[in-house]
Protein backbone atom coordinates (compact mmCIF):
# COMPACT_ATOMS: atom_id res chain seq x y z
CA MET A 1 117.58 168.25 77.19
CA ARG A 2 116.28 166.66 73.95
CA PRO A 3 112.80 168.32 73.97
CA ALA A 4 111.34 165.83 71.49
CA ASN A 5 112.44 162.93 73.70
CA LEU A 6 110.98 164.53 76.82
CA LEU A 7 107.50 164.01 75.43
CA THR A 8 108.17 160.30 75.04
CA ALA A 9 108.97 160.20 78.77
CA VAL A 10 105.66 161.93 79.55
CA ALA A 11 103.95 159.31 77.36
CA ASP A 12 105.50 156.62 79.59
CA ILE A 13 103.80 158.17 82.60
CA LEU A 14 100.44 158.45 80.85
CA ALA A 15 100.68 154.80 79.79
CA GLY A 16 101.58 153.73 83.32
CA VAL A 17 98.58 155.60 84.69
CA ALA A 18 96.39 153.73 82.21
CA VAL A 19 97.88 150.38 83.27
CA ALA A 20 97.22 151.23 86.93
CA GLY A 21 93.56 151.93 86.15
CA TYR A 22 93.76 155.33 87.82
CA LEU A 23 91.40 157.10 85.42
CA LYS A 24 88.72 154.47 85.94
CA THR A 25 88.97 153.99 89.71
CA GLN A 26 90.31 157.23 91.21
CA PHE A 27 89.75 160.08 88.75
CA SER A 28 86.64 161.99 89.79
CA SER A 29 87.64 165.67 89.98
CA TYR A 30 90.23 168.12 88.79
CA LEU A 31 92.14 167.64 92.06
CA ASP A 32 92.89 164.09 90.95
CA MET A 33 94.96 165.61 88.15
CA LEU A 34 97.57 166.78 90.66
CA PRO A 35 99.34 163.40 91.17
CA LEU A 36 99.41 162.92 87.40
CA ALA A 37 100.86 166.39 86.87
CA CYS A 38 103.51 165.77 89.54
CA LEU A 39 104.57 162.50 87.89
CA CYS A 40 104.81 164.24 84.51
CA LEU A 41 106.97 166.94 86.11
CA ALA A 42 109.06 164.21 87.74
CA THR A 43 109.78 162.43 84.48
CA LEU A 44 110.62 165.71 82.72
CA GLY A 45 113.22 166.43 85.38
CA LEU A 46 114.63 162.92 85.53
CA TYR A 47 114.85 162.41 81.76
CA GLY A 48 116.07 165.94 81.13
CA GLY A 49 118.71 165.69 83.82
CA GLY A 50 119.85 162.32 82.53
CA VAL A 51 120.45 163.51 78.98
CA VAL A 52 122.12 166.72 80.18
CA PHE A 53 124.65 164.65 82.12
CA ASN A 54 125.05 162.45 79.05
CA ASP A 55 126.29 165.50 77.17
CA VAL A 56 128.43 166.59 80.12
CA MET A 57 130.24 163.27 80.25
CA ASP A 58 130.55 163.07 76.46
CA ALA A 59 131.81 166.65 76.06
CA ARG A 60 135.34 165.68 75.05
CA LEU A 61 134.20 162.97 72.65
CA ASP A 62 131.56 165.28 71.15
CA ALA A 63 134.23 167.92 70.57
CA ALA A 64 135.79 165.52 68.07
CA GLU A 65 132.74 163.70 66.67
CA ARG A 66 129.84 166.14 67.11
CA PRO A 67 131.27 169.65 67.57
CA GLU A 68 127.87 171.20 66.81
CA ARG A 69 126.45 170.05 70.15
CA PRO A 70 125.78 172.69 72.86
CA ILE A 71 128.81 172.12 75.11
CA PRO A 72 131.60 171.69 72.53
CA SER A 73 130.16 174.50 70.39
CA GLY A 74 130.33 176.87 73.36
CA VAL A 75 126.59 177.61 73.58
CA ILE A 76 126.70 176.48 77.22
CA SER A 77 129.66 175.78 79.47
CA ARG A 78 130.23 172.40 81.07
CA THR A 79 129.77 173.93 84.54
CA GLN A 80 126.46 175.47 83.56
CA ALA A 81 125.33 172.13 82.16
CA VAL A 82 126.24 170.34 85.41
CA ILE A 83 124.20 172.87 87.42
CA LEU A 84 121.24 172.41 85.08
CA GLY A 85 121.50 168.62 85.27
CA VAL A 86 121.61 168.58 89.08
CA TYR A 87 118.66 170.96 89.26
CA LEU A 88 116.55 168.84 86.89
CA LEU A 89 117.28 165.58 88.72
CA LEU A 90 116.43 167.13 92.10
CA VAL A 91 113.16 168.55 90.75
CA GLY A 92 112.31 165.14 89.31
CA ILE A 93 112.99 163.26 92.53
CA LEU A 94 111.16 165.77 94.74
CA ALA A 95 108.14 165.83 92.42
CA ALA A 96 107.99 162.05 92.55
CA PHE A 97 108.04 162.03 96.36
CA THR A 98 105.01 164.34 96.45
CA VAL A 99 102.95 161.50 94.96
CA SER A 100 104.05 158.60 97.16
CA MET A 101 107.05 157.02 98.83
CA ALA A 102 107.11 154.35 96.10
CA SER A 103 107.18 157.04 93.41
CA GLY A 104 110.04 158.82 95.15
CA ILE A 105 112.09 155.65 95.44
CA LEU A 106 111.50 154.96 91.75
CA GLY A 107 112.59 158.52 90.99
CA ILE A 108 115.87 157.96 92.80
CA ALA A 109 116.33 154.65 90.99
CA ILE A 110 115.77 156.32 87.61
CA ALA A 111 118.26 159.08 88.40
CA LEU A 112 120.92 156.57 89.50
CA SER A 113 120.29 154.37 86.46
CA ALA A 114 120.59 157.35 84.12
CA LEU A 115 123.82 158.54 85.72
CA GLY A 116 125.16 154.99 85.72
CA TYR A 117 124.53 154.76 81.99
CA ASP A 118 126.06 158.17 81.32
CA ARG A 119 129.23 157.31 83.24
CA TRP A 120 129.76 153.57 82.73
CA GLY A 121 126.90 151.78 80.98
CA LYS A 122 127.29 153.31 77.54
CA HIS A 123 130.81 151.87 77.28
CA HIS A 124 129.64 148.24 77.57
CA ASP A 125 128.16 146.45 74.56
CA PHE A 126 125.91 144.17 76.67
CA TRP A 127 125.20 146.04 79.90
CA GLY A 128 124.85 149.44 78.22
CA PRO A 129 121.64 148.69 76.29
CA LEU A 130 120.16 146.91 79.32
CA ASN A 131 121.07 149.87 81.52
CA MET A 132 119.34 152.32 79.20
CA GLY A 133 116.34 150.00 78.91
CA LEU A 134 116.12 149.85 82.70
CA CYS A 135 115.71 153.65 82.80
CA ARG A 136 112.68 153.43 80.52
CA GLY A 137 111.24 150.41 82.32
CA LEU A 138 111.45 152.21 85.66
CA ASN A 139 109.81 155.24 84.06
CA LEU A 140 106.79 153.14 83.10
CA LEU A 141 106.64 151.89 86.69
CA LEU A 142 106.79 155.50 87.85
CA GLY A 143 103.52 156.09 86.02
CA ILE A 144 101.98 152.93 87.49
CA SER A 145 103.05 154.09 90.98
CA ILE A 146 100.25 156.66 90.96
CA LEU A 147 98.49 153.74 92.67
CA PRO A 148 101.37 152.16 94.64
CA GLY A 149 99.44 149.01 95.46
CA VAL A 150 99.14 148.13 91.77
CA LEU A 151 102.92 147.89 91.36
CA GLN A 152 102.90 144.38 92.81
CA SER A 153 100.65 143.19 89.99
CA PHE A 154 102.30 144.93 87.04
CA TRP A 155 106.00 145.34 87.90
CA TRP A 156 106.88 142.74 85.24
CA LEU A 157 105.63 145.04 82.47
CA SER A 158 108.84 147.02 82.88
CA ALA A 159 110.65 144.23 81.02
CA VAL A 160 108.95 145.23 77.74
CA PRO A 161 110.41 148.77 77.51
CA VAL A 162 113.74 147.35 78.72
CA ILE A 163 113.84 145.09 75.65
CA TYR A 164 112.67 147.84 73.30
CA ILE A 165 115.13 150.48 74.49
CA ALA A 166 117.93 147.93 74.61
CA ALA A 167 117.33 147.34 70.89
CA ILE A 168 117.45 151.07 70.11
CA THR A 169 120.59 151.57 72.20
CA MET A 170 122.25 148.58 70.56
CA ILE A 171 121.78 149.87 67.01
CA SER A 172 122.61 153.48 67.99
CA ARG A 173 126.24 152.48 68.53
CA GLY A 174 126.71 152.61 64.77
CA GLU A 175 125.18 156.06 64.38
CA VAL A 176 128.49 157.86 63.86
CA HIS A 177 130.71 155.36 62.06
CA GLY A 178 128.17 152.87 60.70
CA GLY A 179 126.92 149.61 62.19
CA SER A 180 126.63 145.90 61.62
CA ASN A 181 123.79 144.01 60.01
CA ARG A 182 123.88 141.54 62.88
CA ALA A 183 122.85 144.18 65.44
CA LEU A 184 120.21 145.59 63.11
CA ARG A 185 118.67 142.18 62.43
CA LEU A 186 118.64 141.39 66.14
CA ALA A 187 116.78 144.67 66.67
CA VAL A 188 114.11 143.47 64.24
CA LEU A 189 113.55 140.37 66.39
CA LEU A 190 113.46 142.37 69.62
CA TYR A 191 111.00 144.88 68.15
CA ALA A 192 108.79 142.02 66.96
CA LEU A 193 108.88 140.47 70.44
CA VAL A 194 107.77 143.76 72.03
CA LEU A 195 104.88 144.31 69.61
CA SER A 196 103.75 140.69 69.93
CA THR A 197 103.73 140.99 73.72
CA ILE A 198 101.55 144.10 73.60
CA LEU A 199 99.10 142.36 71.27
CA LEU A 200 98.98 139.28 73.51
CA ILE A 201 98.26 141.36 76.59
CA SER A 202 95.59 143.38 74.76
CA TRP A 203 93.97 140.11 73.65
CA ARG A 204 93.92 138.81 77.23
CA ASN A 205 92.34 142.08 78.35
CA GLY A 206 89.72 141.92 75.59
CA HIS A 207 91.12 145.04 73.86
CA LEU A 208 92.83 143.52 70.82
CA LEU A 209 90.94 145.41 68.10
CA PRO A 210 91.42 148.90 69.63
CA THR A 211 95.11 148.15 70.14
CA LEU A 212 95.84 146.85 66.62
CA PRO A 213 95.97 150.25 64.85
CA PHE A 214 98.48 151.62 67.37
CA VAL A 215 100.71 148.55 67.05
CA ALA A 216 100.49 148.77 63.25
CA LEU A 217 101.52 152.44 63.32
CA THR A 218 104.42 151.59 65.63
CA ALA A 219 105.60 148.89 63.22
CA PHE A 220 105.51 151.33 60.32
CA ILE A 221 107.51 153.99 62.16
CA ILE A 222 110.24 151.66 63.42
CA PHE A 223 110.61 149.10 60.64
CA ARG A 224 110.61 151.44 57.63
CA PRO A 225 113.91 153.23 58.48
CA LEU A 226 115.34 150.05 60.01
CA MET A 227 114.95 148.14 56.75
CA VAL A 228 116.80 150.94 54.94
CA ALA A 229 119.59 150.74 57.50
CA ILE A 230 119.85 146.97 57.07
CA ARG A 231 120.28 147.39 53.31
CA GLU A 232 122.87 150.14 53.79
CA PRO A 233 124.22 150.27 57.39
CA ILE A 234 125.84 153.70 57.21
CA GLY A 235 125.72 156.32 59.97
CA PRO A 236 122.93 158.56 58.60
CA ASN A 237 120.63 155.61 57.94
CA ILE A 238 121.21 154.19 61.39
CA GLY A 239 120.57 157.64 62.88
CA LYS A 240 117.15 157.70 61.17
CA ALA A 241 116.38 154.21 62.49
CA VAL A 242 117.26 155.31 66.01
CA LYS A 243 115.18 158.46 65.65
CA GLY A 244 112.20 156.42 64.44
CA GLY A 245 112.54 154.05 67.37
CA ILE A 246 112.55 156.91 69.86
CA LEU A 247 109.56 158.72 68.34
CA ALA A 248 107.62 155.44 68.16
CA LEU A 249 107.77 155.26 71.96
CA ILE A 250 104.78 157.59 72.06
CA VAL A 251 102.76 155.24 69.85
CA ILE A 252 103.80 152.22 71.94
CA ASN A 253 102.57 154.01 75.03
CA ALA A 254 99.31 154.75 73.24
CA ALA A 255 99.09 151.02 72.51
CA TRP A 256 99.55 150.26 76.22
CA ALA A 257 96.70 152.67 76.99
CA ALA A 258 94.46 150.99 74.43
CA ALA A 259 95.35 147.57 75.85
CA PHE A 260 94.50 148.52 79.43
CA ALA A 261 92.08 151.46 79.22
CA ASP A 262 90.34 152.63 76.04
CA TRP A 263 91.17 153.96 72.59
CA GLN A 264 90.05 157.50 73.45
CA TYR A 265 92.71 157.83 76.13
CA ALA A 266 95.20 156.24 73.73
CA LEU A 267 94.44 158.97 71.19
CA ILE A 268 95.20 161.63 73.80
CA ILE A 269 98.67 160.12 74.21
CA LEU A 270 99.07 159.87 70.44
CA VAL A 271 98.57 163.64 70.12
CA LEU A 272 102.05 163.98 71.61
CA LEU A 273 103.56 162.36 68.49
CA PRO A 274 103.15 165.24 66.01
CA VAL A 275 104.36 167.68 68.67
CA SER A 276 107.42 165.52 69.28
CA MET A 277 108.06 165.23 65.54
CA LEU A 278 107.97 169.02 65.18
CA LEU A 279 110.42 169.39 68.04
CA ALA A 280 112.63 166.74 66.45
CA ARG A 281 113.10 169.05 63.45
CA ALA A 282 114.55 171.78 65.64
CA PHE A 283 116.42 169.80 68.30
CA SER A 284 118.66 166.75 68.46
CA VAL A 285 116.93 163.45 69.19
CA THR A 286 119.87 161.02 69.31
């Protein structure tokens, strides 16, 4: 289920809630925590189910390239993994529907996008990264859907995580056998575009200064291992660059919160980063 990655999905929801303005306009009692909790549960199920099915569909390939993974190593059978994946996706979709019809529809869309990537998308150099990015973009919208009416105003924000995740997915193709400098350099440009967009939006919202530290931390986390990989594009270096990109998702979501809400809420999201990093030491991230 990639426990470290699951927290990045929760961070998406928290960022989307900040974009929607829920904490400022609707949050007045502990009961208002319930929709937020349901959306967090939804994303845990949807993301967890998606990566479980990724391992299910890659079981034969992993037996040759990554025999230490749960299914090829025999820790869990393929049938057990399928049951777990179905259960997680159903929990995610049902939890989303408890919030609103829009949230439920987005939950179904995320599940279908994840399964589409697991089965077909990952095998296409162009559509694969976009497919994976779409999953993350829809997840941000899932958080925004806590106030369904706001989706009409901010649906376009989903393009930013699409670009970011597409970059990570693109460079991850060289994680096992090594990659190309062309893909890595293109990732630098895409990362720069994402960070510049966040800064521009924060400036328009009058929150540039509170957002700057979070964007700077994101840049440090993603560009440091990426520069190493560009100098020496071997599998282990690319794996570290991918891992950095995934963990930085939490900081990017904190930046979104700073851009739309306030830095205190952004710090709450940032607390997930050290927890995710600890989990990354014990469990696979890529």
